[in-house]
Amino acid sequence: MNSQKEKQLLQEKTDLCQELTSFLNLIRGSLVKGEKKCGRKGCKCEKGQLHPHVVISIFRKGKTHIVYVPKSSMEKAAAAVSAYNQVINIIEHISSINVELFKAQKL
């Protein structure tokens, strides 16, 4: 590996690490849309018109946890899940850079 390539990789790694600091609100999970009955007498859902709802499904320590997402928080929830996925992609990219540097004995 030439020094120009090494400098490029190190700069890219530095930029990616700085980008990571911009992700403050992130959630590891999946947004799941579904429908449910509310249980109120005379509600339209008794006749089959179920109520739409959204949850975040989170798998931790061998268990799935469900967090209800109010309509007013949908955008925030989607952004937090998306941010987590972006962070994972950045970490994978940093790791691949480190592998290249390691193979060249520069790490």
N, C-alpha and C. Protein backbone atom coordinates (compact mmCIF):
# COMPACT_ATOMS: atom_id res chain seq x y z
N MET A 1 0.85 -1.17 0.00
CA MET A 1 0.00 0.00 0.00
C MET A 1 0.89 1.24 0.00
N ASN A 2 0.62 2.14 -0.94
CA ASN A 2 1.44 3.35 -1.00
C ASN A 2 0.94 4.36 0.04
N SER A 3 1.77 5.35 0.29
CA SER A 3 1.45 6.32 1.35
C SER A 3 0.22 7.17 1.00
N GLN A 4 0.00 7.42 -0.29
CA GLN A 4 -1.18 8.19 -0.70
C GLN A 4 -2.46 7.42 -0.37
N LYS A 5 -2.48 6.12 -0.66
CA LYS A 5 -3.63 5.27 -0.36
C LYS A 5 -3.85 5.20 1.15
N GLU A 6 -2.77 5.08 1.90
CA GLU A 6 -2.87 5.02 3.37
C GLU A 6 -3.46 6.33 3.92
N LYS A 7 -2.97 7.47 3.42
CA LYS A 7 -3.50 8.77 3.85
C LYS A 7 -4.98 8.89 3.53
N GLN A 8 -5.36 8.43 2.34
CA GLN A 8 -6.75 8.49 1.93
C GLN A 8 -7.64 7.66 2.87
N LEU A 9 -7.20 6.44 3.17
CA LEU A 9 -7.97 5.57 4.06
C LEU A 9 -8.07 6.16 5.46
N LEU A 10 -6.96 6.70 5.96
CA LEU A 10 -6.97 7.29 7.30
C LEU A 10 -7.88 8.52 7.37
N GLN A 11 -7.88 9.32 6.30
CA GLN A 11 -8.76 10.49 6.27
C GLN A 11 -10.22 10.06 6.20
N GLU A 12 -10.49 9.04 5.39
CA GLU A 12 -11.86 8.54 5.28
C GLU A 12 -12.34 8.00 6.62
N LYS A 13 -11.47 7.28 7.31
CA LYS A 13 -11.80 6.74 8.63
C LYS A 13 -12.06 7.86 9.63
N THR A 14 -11.25 8.89 9.60
CA THR A 14 -11.44 10.04 10.49
C THR A 14 -12.77 10.72 10.20
N ASP A 15 -13.09 10.91 8.94
CA ASP A 15 -14.36 11.54 8.55
C ASP A 15 -15.55 10.71 9.02
N LEU A 16 -15.45 9.40 8.85
CA LEU A 16 -16.54 8.52 9.28
C LEU A 16 -16.73 8.55 10.80
N CYS A 17 -15.63 8.57 11.53
CA CYS A 17 -15.71 8.64 13.00
C CYS A 17 -16.35 9.96 13.44
N GLN A 18 -16.03 11.04 12.77
CA GLN A 18 -16.65 12.33 13.09
C GLN A 18 -18.14 12.30 12.77
N GLU A 19 -18.49 11.64 11.68
CA GLU A 19 -19.91 11.54 11.31
C GLU A 19 -20.71 10.79 12.38
N LEU A 20 -20.08 9.81 13.01
CA LEU A 20 -20.77 9.04 14.05
C LEU A 20 -21.25 9.93 15.20
N THR A 21 -20.52 11.00 15.47
CA THR A 21 -20.90 11.86 16.59
C THR A 21 -22.19 12.63 16.35
N SER A 22 -22.67 12.65 15.11
CA SER A 22 -23.90 13.38 14.81
C SER A 22 -25.16 12.56 15.10
N PHE A 23 -25.00 11.30 15.42
CA PHE A 23 -26.15 10.43 15.68
C PHE A 23 -26.38 10.31 17.18
N LEU A 24 -27.32 11.11 17.68
CA LEU A 24 -27.60 11.09 19.11
C LEU A 24 -28.85 10.27 19.44
N ASN A 25 -29.86 10.35 18.59
CA ASN A 25 -31.11 9.65 18.85
C ASN A 25 -31.22 8.45 17.91
N LEU A 26 -30.91 7.29 18.46
CA LEU A 26 -31.01 6.09 17.64
C LEU A 26 -31.60 4.96 18.45
N ILE A 27 -32.30 4.09 17.75
CA ILE A 27 -32.96 2.94 18.39
C ILE A 27 -32.68 1.71 17.55
N ARG A 28 -32.21 0.66 18.22
CA ARG A 28 -32.01 -0.62 17.55
C ARG A 28 -33.34 -1.38 17.61
N GLY A 29 -33.99 -1.48 16.48
CA GLY A 29 -35.28 -2.16 16.42
C GLY A 29 -35.87 -2.02 15.04
N SER A 30 -37.10 -2.47 14.92
CA SER A 30 -37.81 -2.40 13.64
C SER A 30 -39.18 -1.78 13.86
N LEU A 31 -39.58 -0.92 12.92
CA LEU A 31 -40.94 -0.39 12.96
C LEU A 31 -41.86 -1.45 12.38
N VAL A 32 -42.93 -1.74 13.09
CA VAL A 32 -43.89 -2.76 12.65
C VAL A 32 -45.28 -2.13 12.64
N LYS A 33 -45.92 -2.20 11.47
CA LYS A 33 -47.28 -1.68 11.35
C LYS A 33 -48.26 -2.85 11.46
N GLY A 34 -49.35 -2.59 12.15
CA GLY A 34 -50.35 -3.64 12.32
C GLY A 34 -51.73 -3.04 12.53
N GLU A 35 -52.66 -3.91 12.84
CA GLU A 35 -54.03 -3.51 13.12
C GLU A 35 -54.49 -4.24 14.36
N LYS A 36 -55.41 -3.60 15.12
CA LYS A 36 -55.88 -4.23 16.35
C LYS A 36 -57.30 -3.79 16.69
N LYS A 37 -57.92 -4.54 17.59
CA LYS A 37 -59.21 -4.17 18.14
C LYS A 37 -58.95 -3.39 19.42
N CYS A 38 -59.81 -2.38 19.65
CA CYS A 38 -59.63 -1.57 20.86
C CYS A 38 -60.42 -2.12 22.04
N GLY A 39 -61.49 -2.85 21.77
CA GLY A 39 -62.28 -3.42 22.86
C GLY A 39 -63.45 -2.57 23.32
N ARG A 40 -63.62 -1.38 22.74
CA ARG A 40 -64.76 -0.53 23.11
C ARG A 40 -66.04 -1.08 22.49
N LYS A 41 -67.10 -1.08 23.26
CA LYS A 41 -68.40 -1.54 22.76
C LYS A 41 -68.88 -0.62 21.65
N GLY A 42 -69.38 -1.20 20.58
CA GLY A 42 -69.96 -0.44 19.48
C GLY A 42 -68.94 0.18 18.54
N CYS A 43 -67.67 -0.05 18.75
CA CYS A 43 -66.63 0.52 17.89
C CYS A 43 -66.63 -0.21 16.55
N LYS A 44 -66.19 0.49 15.53
CA LYS A 44 -66.15 -0.09 14.18
C LYS A 44 -65.25 -1.32 14.11
N CYS A 45 -64.31 -1.44 15.03
CA CYS A 45 -63.40 -2.59 14.99
C CYS A 45 -64.12 -3.89 15.36
N GLU A 46 -65.24 -3.78 16.05
CA GLU A 46 -66.02 -4.99 16.34
C GLU A 46 -66.56 -5.60 15.05
N LYS A 47 -66.73 -4.76 14.03
CA LYS A 47 -67.28 -5.22 12.75
C LYS A 47 -66.17 -5.51 11.73
N GLY A 48 -64.93 -5.47 12.17
CA GLY A 48 -63.83 -5.83 11.29
C GLY A 48 -62.97 -4.69 10.79
N GLN A 49 -63.37 -3.45 11.05
CA GLN A 49 -62.54 -2.31 10.64
C GLN A 49 -61.54 -2.02 11.76
N LEU A 50 -60.43 -2.72 11.73
CA LEU A 50 -59.44 -2.63 12.80
C LEU A 50 -58.70 -1.30 12.78
N HIS A 51 -58.16 -0.93 13.93
CA HIS A 51 -57.41 0.31 14.08
C HIS A 51 -55.94 0.09 13.71
N PRO A 52 -55.39 0.93 12.84
CA PRO A 52 -53.97 0.80 12.52
C PRO A 52 -53.12 1.25 13.73
N HIS A 53 -51.98 0.61 13.90
CA HIS A 53 -51.05 1.03 14.95
C HIS A 53 -49.63 0.68 14.52
N VAL A 54 -48.69 1.34 15.16
CA VAL A 54 -47.28 1.11 14.87
C VAL A 54 -46.54 0.87 16.19
N VAL A 55 -45.63 -0.09 16.17
CA VAL A 55 -44.79 -0.37 17.33
C VAL A 55 -43.35 -0.48 16.87
N ILE A 56 -42.44 -0.35 17.81
CA ILE A 56 -41.04 -0.68 17.56
C ILE A 56 -40.80 -2.02 18.22
N SER A 57 -40.35 -2.97 17.43
CA SER A 57 -40.02 -4.30 17.93
C SER A 57 -38.51 -4.33 18.22
N ILE A 58 -38.20 -4.64 19.46
CA ILE A 58 -36.80 -4.63 19.91
C ILE A 58 -36.46 -6.00 20.48
N PHE A 59 -35.40 -6.62 19.97
CA PHE A 59 -34.97 -7.92 20.46
C PHE A 59 -33.75 -7.74 21.34
N ARG A 60 -33.88 -8.04 22.63
CA ARG A 60 -32.79 -7.89 23.59
C ARG A 60 -32.74 -9.09 24.53
N LYS A 61 -31.56 -9.58 24.77
CA LYS A 61 -31.34 -10.67 25.73
C LYS A 61 -32.29 -11.84 25.52
N GLY A 62 -32.49 -12.20 24.25
CA GLY A 62 -33.30 -13.36 23.92
C GLY A 62 -34.80 -13.13 23.95
N LYS A 63 -35.22 -11.89 24.17
CA LYS A 63 -36.65 -11.59 24.24
C LYS A 63 -37.00 -10.44 23.31
N THR A 64 -38.23 -10.50 22.77
CA THR A 64 -38.73 -9.41 21.95
C THR A 64 -39.54 -8.47 22.83
N HIS A 65 -39.24 -7.20 22.74
CA HIS A 65 -39.97 -6.17 23.47
C HIS A 65 -40.66 -5.28 22.45
N ILE A 66 -41.86 -4.85 22.80
CA ILE A 66 -42.66 -4.02 21.91
C ILE A 66 -42.88 -2.67 22.59
N VAL A 67 -42.63 -1.61 21.84
CA VAL A 67 -42.85 -0.25 22.32
C VAL A 67 -43.85 0.42 21.39
N TYR A 68 -44.99 0.84 21.94
CA TYR A 68 -46.02 1.49 21.15
C TYR A 68 -45.52 2.85 20.68
N VAL A 69 -45.84 3.19 19.43
CA VAL A 69 -45.46 4.48 18.84
C VAL A 69 -46.72 5.30 18.59
N PRO A 70 -46.92 6.39 19.34
CA PRO A 70 -48.07 7.25 19.06
C PRO A 70 -47.94 7.89 17.68
N LYS A 71 -49.08 8.22 17.06
CA LYS A 71 -49.05 8.85 15.73
C LYS A 71 -48.17 10.08 15.72
N SER A 72 -48.20 10.85 16.80
CA SER A 72 -47.43 12.09 16.86
C SER A 72 -45.91 11.86 16.90
N SER A 73 -45.51 10.63 17.18
CA SER A 73 -44.07 10.32 17.28
C SER A 73 -43.57 9.43 16.16
N MET A 74 -44.40 9.19 15.16
CA MET A 74 -44.02 8.29 14.06
C MET A 74 -42.73 8.70 13.37
N GLU A 75 -42.63 9.98 13.02
CA GLU A 75 -41.44 10.46 12.30
C GLU A 75 -40.19 10.32 13.15
N LYS A 76 -40.30 10.65 14.44
CA LYS A 76 -39.15 10.52 15.34
C LYS A 76 -38.72 9.07 15.47
N ALA A 77 -39.68 8.17 15.60
CA ALA A 77 -39.36 6.75 15.73
C ALA A 77 -38.69 6.22 14.47
N ALA A 78 -39.24 6.58 13.32
CA ALA A 78 -38.65 6.13 12.05
C ALA A 78 -37.24 6.68 11.88
N ALA A 79 -37.04 7.94 12.26
CA ALA A 79 -35.71 8.55 12.15
C ALA A 79 -34.71 7.86 13.09
N ALA A 80 -35.15 7.51 14.29
CA ALA A 80 -34.25 6.86 15.26
C ALA A 80 -33.84 5.47 14.80
N VAL A 81 -34.79 4.71 14.23
CA VAL A 81 -34.47 3.39 13.70
C VAL A 81 -33.54 3.51 12.50
N SER A 82 -33.82 4.47 11.64
CA SER A 82 -32.97 4.72 10.47
C SER A 82 -31.56 5.13 10.88
N ALA A 83 -31.47 5.97 11.91
CA ALA A 83 -30.16 6.43 12.39
C ALA A 83 -29.32 5.26 12.89
N TYR A 84 -29.95 4.33 13.59
CA TYR A 84 -29.22 3.15 14.07
C TYR A 84 -28.65 2.38 12.88
N ASN A 85 -29.46 2.19 11.86
CA ASN A 85 -28.99 1.45 10.68
C ASN A 85 -27.86 2.19 9.97
N GLN A 86 -27.92 3.51 9.93
CA GLN A 86 -26.84 4.30 9.33
C GLN A 86 -25.54 4.14 10.14
N VAL A 87 -25.67 4.13 11.46
CA VAL A 87 -24.49 3.96 12.32
C VAL A 87 -23.85 2.59 12.07
N ILE A 88 -24.67 1.56 11.96
CA ILE A 88 -24.14 0.22 11.68
C ILE A 88 -23.38 0.20 10.35
N ASN A 89 -23.94 0.85 9.33
CA ASN A 89 -23.26 0.91 8.03
C ASN A 89 -21.92 1.65 8.12
N ILE A 90 -21.89 2.72 8.88
CA ILE A 90 -20.64 3.46 9.06
C ILE A 90 -19.61 2.61 9.78
N ILE A 91 -20.03 1.91 10.82
CA ILE A 91 -19.11 1.04 11.57
C ILE A 91 -18.57 -0.07 10.67
N GLU A 92 -19.42 -0.63 9.84
CA GLU A 92 -18.96 -1.67 8.90
C GLU A 92 -17.93 -1.10 7.93
N HIS A 93 -18.16 0.14 7.48
CA HIS A 93 -17.21 0.79 6.57
C HIS A 93 -15.87 1.02 7.26
N ILE A 94 -15.91 1.51 8.49
CA ILE A 94 -14.67 1.73 9.26
C ILE A 94 -13.94 0.40 9.43
N SER A 95 -14.68 -0.65 9.73
CA SER A 95 -14.07 -1.96 9.90
C SER A 95 -13.38 -2.42 8.63
N SER A 96 -14.00 -2.21 7.47
CA SER A 96 -13.37 -2.62 6.22
C SER A 96 -12.10 -1.82 5.94
N ILE A 97 -12.11 -0.55 6.30
CA ILE A 97 -10.90 0.27 6.17
C ILE A 97 -9.81 -0.28 7.08
N ASN A 98 -10.18 -0.62 8.31
CA ASN A 98 -9.20 -1.17 9.26
C ASN A 98 -8.63 -2.50 8.78
N VAL A 99 -9.44 -3.30 8.11
CA VAL A 99 -8.94 -4.57 7.56
C VAL A 99 -7.88 -4.29 6.50
N GLU A 100 -8.15 -3.32 5.62
CA GLU A 100 -7.16 -2.97 4.59
C GLU A 100 -5.87 -2.48 5.24
N LEU A 101 -6.00 -1.62 6.23
CA LEU A 101 -4.80 -1.10 6.92
C LEU A 101 -4.07 -2.21 7.66
N PHE A 102 -4.81 -3.12 8.26
CA PHE A 102 -4.20 -4.22 8.98
C PHE A 102 -3.42 -5.12 8.02
N LYS A 103 -4.05 -5.44 6.86
CA LYS A 103 -3.36 -6.30 5.88
C LYS A 103 -2.07 -5.65 5.39
N ALA A 104 -2.06 -4.33 5.33
CA ALA A 104 -0.87 -3.61 4.91
C ALA A 104 0.06 -3.33 6.09
N GLN A 105 -0.26 -3.87 7.22
CA GLN A 105 0.51 -3.67 8.46
C GLN A 105 0.65 -2.20 8.84
N LYS A 106 -0.44 -1.46 8.63
CA LYS A 106 -0.47 -0.04 8.95
C LYS A 106 -1.39 0.24 10.14
N LEU A 107 -1.96 -0.80 10.71
CA LEU A 107 -2.87 -0.65 11.84
C LEU A 107 -2.25 -1.20 13.08
